[in-house]
Amino acid sequence: MINKNDEFVLKIDDMGVNGEGIGHVEGLALFVKDAIIGDVVQVKVMKMQKNYGFAKLVKVLEPS
């Protein structure tokens, strides 16, 4: 289970309609503002819904 304030390393593999990057962890989508497809990023979960969540970009580990 993913909780608020958890941190993950994600590979951004899609883009949302508002320009945010989307990565997946444990089968759930995390929306990350300021990330783009191909980035590998460290994120901090800010808000979780049932099937998706929103995370804040902490650091770009590998730019696309």
C-alpha atoms as a PDB file:
ATOM      1  CA  MET A   1       0.000   0.000   0.000  1.00  0.00           C
ATOM      2  CA  ILE A   2       1.234   3.461  -0.907  1.00  0.00           C
ATOM      3  CA  ASN A   3       0.869   6.217   1.676  1.00  0.00           C
ATOM      4  CA  LYS A   4       1.354   9.977   1.783  1.00  0.00           C
ATOM      5  CA  ASN A   5       5.020  10.978   2.231  1.00  0.00           C
ATOM      6  CA  ASP A   6       6.349   7.658   0.813  1.00  0.00           C
ATOM      7  CA  GLU A   7       9.273   8.152  -1.569  1.00  0.00           C
ATOM      8  CA  PHE A   8       9.884   6.160  -4.752  1.00  0.00           C
ATOM      9  CA  VAL A   9      12.155   6.086  -7.793  1.00  0.00           C
ATOM     10  CA  LEU A  10      10.015   6.046 -10.942  1.00  0.00           C
ATOM     11  CA  LYS A  11      10.573   5.899 -14.682  1.00  0.00           C
ATOM     12  CA  ILE A  12       8.160   8.296 -16.355  1.00  0.00           C
ATOM     13  CA  ASP A  13       6.433   6.387 -19.151  1.00  0.00           C
ATOM     14  CA  ASP A  14       3.428   8.531 -20.098  1.00  0.00           C
ATOM     15  CA  MET A  15       2.142  12.112 -20.047  1.00  0.00           C
ATOM     16  CA  GLY A  16      -1.094  13.400 -18.540  1.00  0.00           C
ATOM     17  CA  VAL A  17      -3.497  15.825 -20.221  1.00  0.00           C
ATOM     18  CA  ASN A  18      -2.149  18.725 -18.140  1.00  0.00           C
ATOM     19  CA  GLY A  19       1.486  18.021 -19.037  1.00  0.00           C
ATOM     20  CA  GLU A  20       2.424  16.081 -15.926  1.00  0.00           C
ATOM     21  CA  GLY A  21       4.558  12.951 -16.165  1.00  0.00           C
ATOM     22  CA  ILE A  22       3.035   9.598 -15.219  1.00  0.00           C
ATOM     23  CA  GLY A  23       4.987   6.758 -13.638  1.00  0.00           C
ATOM     24  CA  HIS A  24       3.764   3.504 -12.134  1.00  0.00           C
ATOM     25  CA  VAL A  25       4.513   1.840  -8.810  1.00  0.00           C
ATOM     26  CA  GLU A  26       2.764  -1.258  -7.448  1.00  0.00           C
ATOM     27  CA  GLY A  27       0.380  -1.077 -10.422  1.00  0.00           C
ATOM     28  CA  LEU A  28      -0.834   2.427  -9.556  1.00  0.00           C
ATOM     29  CA  ALA A  29      -0.234   5.573 -11.601  1.00  0.00           C
ATOM     30  CA  LEU A  30       1.528   8.502  -9.954  1.00  0.00           C
ATOM     31  CA  PHE A  31       1.200  11.931 -11.583  1.00  0.00           C
ATOM     32  CA  VAL A  32       4.389  14.011 -11.272  1.00  0.00           C
ATOM     33  CA  LYS A  33       4.454  17.701 -12.227  1.00  0.00           C
ATOM     34  CA  ASP A  34       7.579  18.858 -14.139  1.00  0.00           C
ATOM     35  CA  ALA A  35       8.613  15.316 -15.176  1.00  0.00           C
ATOM     36  CA  ILE A  36       8.682  14.139 -18.800  1.00  0.00           C
ATOM     37  CA  ILE A  37       8.688  10.777 -20.591  1.00  0.00           C
ATOM     38  CA  GLY A  38      12.005   8.982 -20.197  1.00  0.00           C
ATOM     39  CA  ASP A  39      13.041  10.682 -16.951  1.00  0.00           C
ATOM     40  CA  VAL A  40      14.000   8.549 -13.974  1.00  0.00           C
ATOM     41  CA  VAL A  41      12.955  10.565 -10.930  1.00  0.00           C
ATOM     42  CA  GLN A  42      12.766  10.419  -7.164  1.00  0.00           C
ATOM     43  CA  VAL A  43       9.310  11.475  -5.980  1.00  0.00           C
ATOM     44  CA  LYS A  44       7.436  12.013  -2.721  1.00  0.00           C
ATOM     45  CA  VAL A  45       3.760  11.040  -2.594  1.00  0.00           C
ATOM     46  CA  MET A  46       1.549  14.018  -1.717  1.00  0.00           C
ATOM     47  CA  LYS A  47      -1.987  12.617  -2.157  1.00  0.00           C
ATOM     48  CA  MET A  48      -3.428   9.174  -2.882  1.00  0.00           C
ATOM     49  CA  GLN A  49      -6.763   8.192  -4.400  1.00  0.00           C
ATOM     50  CA  LYS A  50      -8.017   4.627  -4.855  1.00  0.00           C
ATOM     51  CA  ASN A  51      -6.249   3.870  -8.165  1.00  0.00           C
ATOM     52  CA  TYR A  52      -3.808   6.752  -8.618  1.00  0.00           C
ATOM     53  CA  GLY A  53      -1.915   9.416  -6.765  1.00  0.00           C
ATOM     54  CA  PHE A  54      -0.037  12.691  -7.023  1.00  0.00           C
ATOM     55  CA  ALA A  55       3.651  13.027  -6.224  1.00  0.00           C
ATOM     56  CA  LYS A  56       6.127  15.884  -5.969  1.00  0.00           C
ATOM     57  CA  LEU A  57       9.372  15.751  -7.917  1.00  0.00           C
ATOM     58  CA  VAL A  58      12.287  15.520  -5.469  1.00  0.00           C
ATOM     59  CA  LYS A  59      15.178  14.917  -7.872  1.00  0.00           C
ATOM     60  CA  VAL A  60      15.772  13.968 -11.510  1.00  0.00           C
ATOM     61  CA  LEU A  61      18.144  10.984 -11.326  1.00  0.00           C
ATOM     62  CA  GLU A  62      18.418  10.359 -15.096  1.00  0.00           C
ATOM     63  CA  PRO A  63      17.097  13.000 -17.506  1.00  0.00           C
ATOM     64  CA  SER A  64      15.435  11.751 -20.701  1.00  0.00           C
END
